[in-house]
Protein backbone atom coordinates (compact mmCIF):
# COMPACT_ATOMS: atom_id res chain seq x y z
CA UNK A 1 -34.18 -45.48 24.55
CA UNK A 2 -33.60 -41.73 24.90
CA UNK A 3 -36.91 -39.87 24.87
CA UNK A 4 -36.12 -36.38 26.22
CA UNK A 5 -33.12 -34.25 25.24
CA UNK A 6 -33.04 -30.98 27.22
CA UNK A 7 -29.86 -28.98 26.63
CA UNK A 8 -31.30 -25.46 26.39
CA UNK A 9 -29.44 -22.37 27.67
CA UNK A 10 -26.06 -24.05 28.01
CA UNK A 11 -23.87 -21.89 25.73
CA UNK A 12 -23.25 -24.88 23.47
CA UNK A 13 -21.34 -23.95 20.31
CA UNK A 14 -20.77 -25.67 16.99
CA UNK A 15 -23.17 -27.60 14.81
CA UNK A 16 -25.84 -30.07 15.91
CA UNK A 17 -24.56 -33.66 15.46
CA UNK A 18 -26.72 -35.27 12.72
CA UNK A 19 -26.91 -38.45 14.78
CA UNK A 20 -29.29 -36.73 17.20
CA UNK A 21 -31.93 -36.70 14.48
CA UNK A 22 -31.57 -40.47 14.01
CA UNK A 23 -32.64 -41.39 17.57
CA UNK A 24 -36.07 -42.72 16.75
CA UNK A 25 -37.21 -42.88 20.38
CA UNK A 26 -36.88 -39.12 20.95
CA UNK A 27 -40.13 -37.27 21.66
CA UNK A 28 -38.69 -33.93 22.85
CA UNK A 29 -35.61 -32.03 21.64
CA UNK A 30 -34.87 -28.74 23.43
CA UNK A 31 -31.67 -27.05 22.21
CA UNK A 32 -32.83 -23.44 22.45
CA UNK A 33 -30.79 -20.51 23.76
CA UNK A 34 -27.36 -21.77 22.76
CA UNK A 35 -24.83 -20.68 20.14
CA UNK A 36 -25.41 -23.53 17.75
CA UNK A 37 -24.44 -22.81 14.16
CA UNK A 38 -24.29 -24.51 10.78
CA UNK A 39 -27.06 -26.14 8.80
CA UNK A 40 -29.71 -28.61 9.83
CA UNK A 41 -29.33 -32.02 8.16
CA UNK A 42 -31.59 -32.38 5.10
CA UNK A 43 -33.20 -35.52 6.55
CA UNK A 44 -34.42 -33.95 9.81
CA UNK A 45 -37.73 -35.58 10.64
CA UNK A 46 -37.31 -38.70 8.52
CA UNK A 47 -36.20 -40.85 11.46
CA UNK A 48 -38.13 -39.24 14.31
CA UNK A 49 -41.54 -40.94 14.27
CA UNK A 50 -42.21 -40.10 17.95
CA UNK A 51 -40.99 -36.48 17.98
CA UNK A 52 -43.58 -34.17 19.55
CA UNK A 53 -41.57 -31.03 20.37
CA UNK A 54 -38.59 -29.55 18.51
CA UNK A 55 -37.21 -26.27 19.90
CA UNK A 56 -34.07 -24.90 18.22
CA UNK A 57 -34.86 -21.21 18.76
CA UNK A 58 -32.37 -18.45 19.58
CA UNK A 59 -29.28 -19.95 17.99
CA UNK A 60 -27.19 -19.11 14.91
CA UNK A 61 -28.42 -21.77 12.52
CA UNK A 62 -28.19 -21.07 8.77
CA UNK A 63 -29.21 -22.69 5.51
CA UNK A 64 -32.60 -23.67 4.18
CA UNK A 65 -35.61 -24.86 6.15
CA UNK A 66 -35.45 -28.69 5.86
CA UNK A 67 -38.57 -29.86 4.03
CA UNK A 68 -38.19 -33.23 5.77
CA UNK A 69 -39.37 -31.75 9.10
CA UNK A 70 -42.86 -32.22 7.67
CA UNK A 71 -42.37 -36.00 7.99
CA UNK A 72 -42.27 -35.80 11.80
CA UNK A 73 -45.99 -36.39 11.85
CA UNK A 74 -46.37 -36.38 15.65
CA UNK A 75 -44.97 -32.85 16.08
CA UNK A 76 -47.16 -30.63 18.25
CA UNK A 77 -44.65 -27.79 18.88
CA UNK A 78 -42.05 -26.48 16.43
CA UNK A 79 -39.91 -23.44 17.32
CA UNK A 80 -37.13 -22.35 14.96
CA UNK A 81 -37.34 -18.63 15.77
CA UNK A 82 -34.39 -16.25 15.99
CA UNK A 83 -32.01 -17.98 13.61
CA UNK A 84 -30.46 -17.05 10.26
CA UNK A 85 -32.09 -19.39 7.77
CA UNK A 86 -32.51 -18.66 4.07
CA UNK A 87 -35.03 -19.66 1.44
CA UNK A 88 -38.75 -20.23 1.84
CA UNK A 89 -41.14 -21.55 4.44
CA UNK A 90 -42.21 -24.92 3.01
CA UNK A 91 -45.86 -25.40 2.11
CA UNK A 92 -45.57 -28.96 3.39
CA UNK A 93 -45.95 -27.79 7.02
CA UNK A 94 -49.62 -28.58 6.57
CA UNK A 95 -48.65 -32.26 6.77
CA UNK A 96 -48.05 -31.78 10.50
CA UNK A 97 -51.68 -32.48 11.33
CA UNK A 98 -51.05 -32.53 15.10
CA UNK A 99 -49.27 -29.17 15.23
CA UNK A 100 -50.47 -26.87 18.01
CA UNK A 101 -47.67 -24.31 18.23
CA UNK A 102 -45.51 -22.94 15.40
CA UNK A 103 -42.92 -20.19 15.88
CA UNK A 104 -40.94 -19.00 12.85
CA UNK A 105 -40.31 -15.42 14.02
CA UNK A 106 -37.08 -13.72 12.95
CA UNK A 107 -35.84 -16.55 10.75
CA UNK A 108 -35.08 -14.56 7.56
CA UNK A 109 -37.44 -16.85 5.58
CA UNK A 110 -39.73 -15.86 2.72
CA UNK A 111 -42.98 -17.21 1.29
CA UNK A 112 -44.36 -16.63 -2.18
CA UNK A 113 -47.90 -15.32 -1.80
CA UNK A 114 -47.80 -16.35 1.87
CA UNK A 115 -48.82 -19.81 0.69
CA UNK A 116 -47.57 -21.44 3.89
CA UNK A 117 -50.65 -19.98 5.64
CA UNK A 118 -52.94 -21.85 3.26
CA UNK A 119 -51.09 -25.10 3.95
CA UNK A 120 -51.53 -24.62 7.71
CA UNK A 121 -55.31 -24.85 7.32
CA UNK A 122 -54.72 -28.63 7.49
CA UNK A 123 -53.44 -28.29 11.07
CA UNK A 124 -56.85 -28.43 12.75
CA UNK A 125 -55.45 -28.19 16.29
CA UNK A 126 -53.19 -25.16 15.70
CA UNK A 127 -53.39 -22.79 18.67
CA UNK A 128 -50.39 -20.46 18.35
CA UNK A 129 -48.88 -19.09 15.13
CA UNK A 130 -45.87 -16.74 15.16
CA UNK A 131 -44.16 -15.73 11.93
CA UNK A 132 -43.31 -12.06 12.50
CA UNK A 133 -40.13 -10.08 11.83
CA UNK A 134 -39.54 -11.75 8.49
CA UNK A 135 -39.49 -8.84 6.01
CA UNK A 136 -38.82 -11.18 3.09
CA UNK A 137 -42.28 -12.78 3.38
CA UNK A 138 -44.09 -9.88 1.65
CA UNK A 139 -47.33 -10.62 -0.20
CA UNK A 140 -50.99 -10.37 0.84
CA UNK A 141 -52.79 -12.28 3.54
CA UNK A 142 -54.73 -15.02 1.73
CA UNK A 143 -58.45 -15.31 2.31
CA UNK A 144 -57.74 -18.83 3.56
CA UNK A 145 -56.66 -17.43 6.96
CA UNK A 146 -60.34 -17.68 7.79
CA UNK A 147 -60.02 -21.46 7.38
CA UNK A 148 -57.25 -21.84 9.95
CA UNK A 149 -57.90 -23.92 13.03
CA UNK A 150 -60.95 -22.95 15.07
CA UNK A 151 -58.64 -23.50 18.07
CA UNK A 152 -56.25 -20.68 17.01
CA UNK A 153 -55.66 -18.26 19.88
CA UNK A 154 -52.64 -16.19 18.79
CA UNK A 155 -51.87 -14.85 15.31
CA UNK A 156 -48.60 -12.92 15.17
CA UNK A 157 -47.33 -11.55 11.85
CA UNK A 158 -45.73 -8.13 12.47
CA UNK A 159 -42.96 -6.61 10.32
CA UNK A 160 -43.38 -8.91 7.32
CA UNK A 161 -44.03 -6.31 4.59
CA UNK A 162 -47.59 -7.64 4.27
CA UNK A 163 -49.70 -5.51 1.95
CA UNK A 164 -53.35 -5.51 0.90
CA UNK A 165 -56.35 -5.63 3.20
CA UNK A 166 -57.10 -7.62 6.33
CA UNK A 167 -59.31 -10.57 5.25
CA UNK A 168 -62.79 -10.55 6.73
CA UNK A 169 -62.29 -14.29 7.33
CA UNK A 170 -60.51 -13.45 10.59
CA UNK A 171 -64.02 -13.29 11.99
CA UNK A 172 -64.24 -17.10 11.69
CA UNK A 173 -61.42 -17.64 14.21
CA UNK A 174 -63.73 -17.57 17.19
CA UNK A 175 -61.13 -18.41 19.86
CA UNK A 176 -58.59 -15.74 18.89
CA UNK A 177 -57.10 -13.93 21.88
CA UNK A 178 -54.48 -11.88 20.00
CA UNK A 179 -54.16 -10.42 16.50
CA UNK A 180 -50.77 -8.76 15.92
CA UNK A 181 -50.02 -7.38 12.46
CA UNK A 182 -48.21 -4.15 13.30
CA UNK A 183 -45.46 -2.61 11.18
CA UNK A 184 -46.73 -3.90 7.82
CA UNK A 185 -48.19 -2.17 4.76
CA UNK A 186 -51.84 -3.11 5.26
CA UNK A 187 -54.43 -0.91 3.57
CA UNK A 188 -58.21 -0.65 3.54
CA UNK A 189 -60.55 -0.69 6.49
CA UNK A 190 -60.56 -2.72 9.69
CA UNK A 191 -63.01 -5.57 8.98
CA UNK A 192 -66.23 -5.37 10.96
CA UNK A 193 -66.12 -9.15 11.40
CA UNK A 194 -63.38 -8.77 14.03
CA UNK A 195 -66.13 -7.48 16.31
CA UNK A 196 -67.46 -11.02 16.55
CA UNK A 197 -64.31 -12.41 18.20
CA UNK A 198 -65.66 -12.49 21.76
CA UNK A 199 -62.41 -13.85 23.28
CA UNK A 200 -60.17 -11.17 21.79
CA UNK A 201 -57.91 -9.44 24.32
CA UNK A 202 -55.35 -7.70 22.12
CA UNK A 203 -55.47 -6.02 18.70
CA UNK A 204 -52.17 -4.60 17.41
CA UNK A 205 -52.43 -2.99 13.97
CA UNK A 206 -50.18 0.03 14.49
CA UNK A 207 -47.78 1.29 11.81
CA UNK A 208 -49.83 0.36 8.76
CA UNK A 209 -51.83 2.34 6.19
CA UNK A 210 -55.34 1.43 7.33
CA UNK A 211 -58.04 4.02 6.67
CA UNK A 212 -61.69 4.71 7.39
CA UNK A 213 -63.34 4.81 10.81
CA UNK A 214 -62.93 2.50 13.77
CA UNK A 215 -65.84 0.07 13.26
CA UNK A 216 -68.33 0.31 16.10
CA UNK A 217 -68.37 -3.51 15.99
CA UNK A 218 -65.16 -3.44 18.04
CA UNK A 219 -67.27 -2.18 20.94
CA UNK A 220 -68.61 -5.76 21.31
CA UNK A 221 -65.17 -7.01 22.40
CA UNK A 222 -65.83 -6.97 26.14
CA UNK A 223 -62.57 -8.80 26.98
CA UNK A 224 -60.36 -6.41 24.98
CA UNK A 225 -57.48 -5.14 27.12
CA UNK A 226 -55.05 -3.72 24.53
CA UNK A 227 -56.00 -1.74 21.41
CA UNK A 228 -53.06 -0.49 19.34
CA UNK A 229 -54.11 1.45 16.21
CA UNK A 230 -51.36 4.11 16.17
CA UNK A 231 -49.76 5.46 12.99
CA UNK A 232 -52.41 4.66 10.40
CA UNK A 233 -54.76 6.85 8.35
CA UNK A 234 -57.88 6.19 10.40
CA UNK A 235 -60.40 9.03 10.49
CA UNK A 236 -63.81 10.12 11.75
CA UNK A 237 -64.80 10.45 15.39
CA UNK A 238 -63.55 8.14 18.10
CA UNK A 239 -66.58 5.89 18.75
CA UNK A 240 -68.27 6.80 22.02
CA UNK A 241 -69.11 3.14 22.55
CA UNK A 242 -65.42 2.39 23.25
CA UNK A 243 -66.25 3.64 26.73
CA UNK A 244 -68.09 0.35 27.27
CA UNK A 245 -64.85 -1.64 26.95
CA UNK A 246 -64.19 -1.63 30.67
CA UNK A 247 -61.45 -4.27 30.35
CA UNK A 248 -59.22 -1.88 28.39
CA UNK A 249 -55.81 -1.22 29.93
CA UNK A 250 -54.01 0.42 26.97
CA UNK A 251 -55.64 2.56 24.27
CA UNK A 252 -53.33 3.84 21.52
CA UNK A 253 -55.06 5.84 18.78
CA UNK A 254 -52.25 8.34 18.15
CA UNK A 255 -50.92 9.53 14.79
CA UNK A 256 -54.12 9.15 12.81
CA UNK A 257 -56.68 11.61 11.46
CA UNK A 258 -59.40 11.36 14.10
CA UNK A 259 -61.58 14.44 14.46
CA UNK A 260 -64.39 15.70 16.70
CA UNK A 261 -64.10 15.59 20.48
CA UNK A 262 -62.72 13.14 23.04
CA UNK A 263 -65.82 11.09 23.98
CA UNK A 264 -66.76 11.73 27.59
CA UNK A 265 -67.71 8.04 27.80
CA UNK A 266 -64.01 7.04 27.82
CA UNK A 267 -63.81 7.99 31.49
CA UNK A 268 -65.98 4.93 32.22
CA UNK A 269 -62.89 2.79 31.56
CA UNK A 270 -61.85 3.09 35.19
CA UNK A 271 -58.90 0.68 35.00
CA UNK A 272 -57.24 2.34 31.99
CA UNK A 273 -53.46 2.53 32.43
CA UNK A 274 -52.23 4.17 29.20
CA UNK A 275 -54.10 6.60 26.91
CA UNK A 276 -52.48 8.02 23.78
CA UNK A 277 -54.63 10.18 21.50
CA UNK A 278 -51.78 12.42 20.33
CA UNK A 279 -51.24 13.74 16.79
CA UNK A 280 -54.83 13.75 15.57
CA UNK A 281 -57.31 16.57 14.84
CA UNK A 282 -59.32 16.33 18.06
CA UNK A 283 -60.99 19.50 19.30
CA UNK A 284 -63.22 20.65 22.12
CA UNK A 285 -62.72 20.24 25.86
CA UNK A 286 -60.89 17.72 27.96
CA UNK A 287 -63.32 15.32 29.70
CA UNK A 288 -64.71 17.12 32.75
CA UNK A 289 -64.55 13.96 34.87
CA UNK A 290 -60.98 13.12 33.84
CA UNK A 291 -60.26 12.25 37.48
CA UNK A 292 -62.11 8.95 37.08
CA UNK A 293 -59.01 7.45 35.45
CA UNK A 294 -57.68 6.72 38.93
CA UNK A 295 -54.97 4.24 37.90
CA UNK A 296 -53.82 5.98 34.70
CA UNK A 297 -50.02 6.11 34.45
CA UNK A 298 -49.57 7.79 31.05
CA UNK A 299 -51.74 10.25 29.09
CA UNK A 300 -50.61 11.87 25.84
CA UNK A 301 -53.06 14.27 24.19
CA UNK A 302 -50.43 16.40 22.44
CA UNK A 303 -50.63 17.77 18.90
CA UNK A 304 -54.39 18.23 18.66
CA UNK A 305 -56.71 21.25 18.77
CA UNK A 306 -58.11 20.75 22.25
CA UNK A 307 -59.42 23.91 23.88
CA UNK A 308 -60.54 24.17 27.49
CA UNK A 309 -59.22 24.92 30.92
CA UNK A 310 -57.22 22.21 32.67
CA UNK A 311 -59.79 20.23 34.68
CA UNK A 312 -59.07 20.26 38.41
CA UNK A 313 -59.79 16.51 38.35
CA UNK A 314 -56.37 15.90 36.77
CA UNK A 315 -54.96 16.19 40.29
CA UNK A 316 -56.77 12.96 41.21
CA UNK A 317 -54.53 10.96 38.87
CA UNK A 318 -52.09 10.03 41.61
CA UNK A 319 -50.38 7.23 39.65
CA UNK A 320 -49.70 9.28 36.52
CA UNK A 321 -46.03 9.48 35.55
CA UNK A 322 -46.37 10.94 32.02
CA UNK A 323 -48.70 13.78 30.98
CA UNK A 324 -48.45 15.72 27.72
CA UNK A 325 -50.85 18.36 26.39
CA UNK A 326 -48.26 20.04 24.19
CA UNK A 327 -49.38 21.91 21.07
CA UNK A 328 -53.07 22.40 21.76
CA UNK A 329 -55.21 25.42 22.63
CA UNK A 330 -55.54 24.84 26.36
CA UNK A 331 -56.30 28.05 28.25
CA UNK A 332 -56.63 29.25 31.83
CA UNK A 333 -54.10 28.68 34.59
CA UNK A 334 -52.14 25.66 35.79
CA UNK A 335 -54.05 24.43 38.85
CA UNK A 336 -52.21 24.64 42.16
CA UNK A 337 -53.44 21.08 42.76
CA UNK A 338 -50.98 19.77 40.12
CA UNK A 339 -48.57 19.71 43.04
CA UNK A 340 -50.45 16.61 44.25
CA UNK A 341 -49.35 14.56 41.23
CA UNK A 342 -46.54 13.03 43.25
CA UNK A 343 -45.73 10.24 40.75
CA UNK A 344 -45.23 12.64 37.83
CA UNK A 345 -41.94 12.32 35.92
CA UNK A 346 -42.84 14.05 32.63
CA UNK A 347 -45.07 17.13 32.25
CA UNK A 348 -45.34 18.96 28.92
CA UNK A 349 -47.83 21.84 28.66
CA UNK A 350 -45.89 23.75 26.00
CA UNK A 351 -47.44 25.58 23.03
CA UNK A 352 -50.83 26.37 24.51
CA UNK A 353 -52.62 29.52 25.72
CA UNK A 354 -51.99 29.06 29.43
CA UNK A 355 -51.86 32.20 31.57
CA UNK A 356 -51.23 33.05 35.21
CA UNK A 357 -48.27 31.84 37.25
CA UNK A 358 -46.37 28.58 37.46
CA UNK A 359 -47.62 27.13 40.77
CA UNK A 360 -44.95 26.88 43.48
CA UNK A 361 -46.68 23.65 44.50
CA UNK A 362 -44.88 21.93 41.59
CA UNK A 363 -41.69 22.20 43.63
CA UNK A 364 -43.07 19.32 45.73
CA UNK A 365 -42.96 16.82 42.83
CA UNK A 366 -39.99 14.58 43.72
CA UNK A 367 -39.64 12.66 40.44
CA UNK A 368 -40.33 15.38 37.87
CA UNK A 369 -37.42 15.00 35.40
CA UNK A 370 -38.95 16.76 32.38
CA UNK A 371 -40.97 19.97 32.60
CA UNK A 372 -41.95 22.22 29.69
CA UNK A 373 -44.31 25.21 29.69
CA UNK A 374 -42.66 27.08 26.81
CA UNK A 375 -44.68 29.21 24.39
CA UNK A 376 -47.63 30.10 26.59
CA UNK A 377 -48.68 33.38 28.22
CA UNK A 378 -47.42 32.65 31.71
CA UNK A 379 -46.18 35.40 34.02
CA UNK A 380 -44.52 35.92 37.36
CA UNK A 381 -41.61 34.25 39.07
CA UNK A 382 -40.33 30.84 37.97
CA UNK A 383 -40.15 28.58 41.06
CA UNK A 384 -36.64 27.81 42.34
CA UNK A 385 -37.12 24.84 44.65
CA UNK A 386 -37.37 21.10 44.06
CA UNK A 387 -36.45 19.96 40.56
CA UNK A 388 -36.70 23.48 39.12
CA UNK A 389 -32.97 23.93 39.58
CA UNK A 390 -32.43 21.25 36.91
CA UNK A 391 -34.50 22.83 34.11
CA UNK A 392 -33.02 24.99 31.37
CA UNK A 393 -34.40 28.06 29.63
CA UNK A 394 -35.88 25.69 26.99
CA UNK A 395 -38.60 24.83 29.52
CA UNK A 396 -39.76 28.44 29.86
CA UNK A 397 -38.97 30.33 26.63
CA UNK A 398 -41.75 32.05 24.71
CA UNK A 399 -43.46 33.40 27.85
CA UNK A 400 -42.84 37.14 27.77
CA UNK A 401 -43.86 37.94 31.34
CA UNK A 402 -41.88 35.31 33.28
CA UNK A 403 -39.02 36.36 35.51
CA UNK A 404 -36.38 34.53 37.52
CA UNK A 405 -32.76 33.36 37.48
CA UNK A 406 -30.43 34.78 34.83
CA UNK A 407 -29.51 31.33 33.43
CA UNK A 408 -33.14 30.89 32.34
CA UNK A 409 -32.79 33.85 29.96
CA UNK A 410 -35.61 35.79 31.64
CA UNK A 411 -35.54 39.17 33.42
CA UNK A 412 -34.86 39.17 37.12
CA UNK A 413 -37.92 39.61 39.29
CA UNK A 414 -38.46 43.05 40.72
CA UNK A 415 -38.52 43.16 44.51
CA UNK A 416 -40.66 45.63 46.30
CA UNK A 417 -38.56 48.24 48.15
CA UNK A 418 -38.86 48.20 51.94
CA UNK A 419 -40.55 51.31 53.40
CA UNK A 420 -38.46 53.36 55.79
CA UNK A 421 -39.81 53.09 59.31
CA UNK A 422 -40.25 56.38 61.13
């Protein structure tokens, strides 16, 4: 009368005894996080009429995906992730009408034309779908993804060599919380229909070949906390209306072709933690009220064409650990108030048009591990205290008027001679 078999995380080795899959009373089998190997019996599921949860993830199982699993008609949760299977994902998974959670990540499986997604449209209660890190899947996302369960909350398909465009049918999945399709070969534009997904909290489309502008429809996603669009071919201005997404915590738009200025409206996102706009073609000034990002921990604006003085408000970013403005056209001096950035660990202001002296106040920064002001027009003595004893000449080269210690490859500073007292 065994109903529950929980043997997860026990370092069990060897193959799974086939007899386990003949215990018809079982409703839950948890064998995850072991070192189980070998193949699954071809009749898995035939004799398990009451099985609701089957978790065999994070083992060393091999062989083909048993088609017979589709006969376990009461299954609500199936997790075979992180194994070493071969062959295809069966299209018969759609027979599991009660399925709510399916995880096939990192299983080495393939699917011709991603047809398994079409079969899953029969699973009307499906809430979570993971199939990422399976580079053999390939193919295009079928338009039928728009017919998946209206209960679907998480759609994860990164690193599967998916090509083609993102189907507009995603807009039908009204309860989606997460779309993750990063590290694929997706092309075309981001569908405007995604802007209708009012529950969406995370969009991860980085490392693809998407082009065109960011649709202003995304500005309707008031619950959006994470927007990852890095490393695509997106262009045009950054929509000013993104400043209305006050739930945003991470905004990654780096390594695209965005132009125009940084919208001043972005400073309305007062709880933003990470901002990465690096490696675009942004120009103009830094936001004058940059200090409104009170809880920001990381800001990377490097490799653009930004041109302004450093706003004094930067010193208000007390939680910031990472700040890079490298390779822009920033001018003026480094504010003395940068010495108040007590959390700072990484500061790169290299390859700009900065002038004046390096503030001695930076000696007060206790955690500053990386510091680079090379290739500017700085002058005067390089500070000696604090972490400055740990930096090499690489941090200061390309500034013709700096002076200091010999190991920094700069001239020694001239001292004023004392006047003789009469």
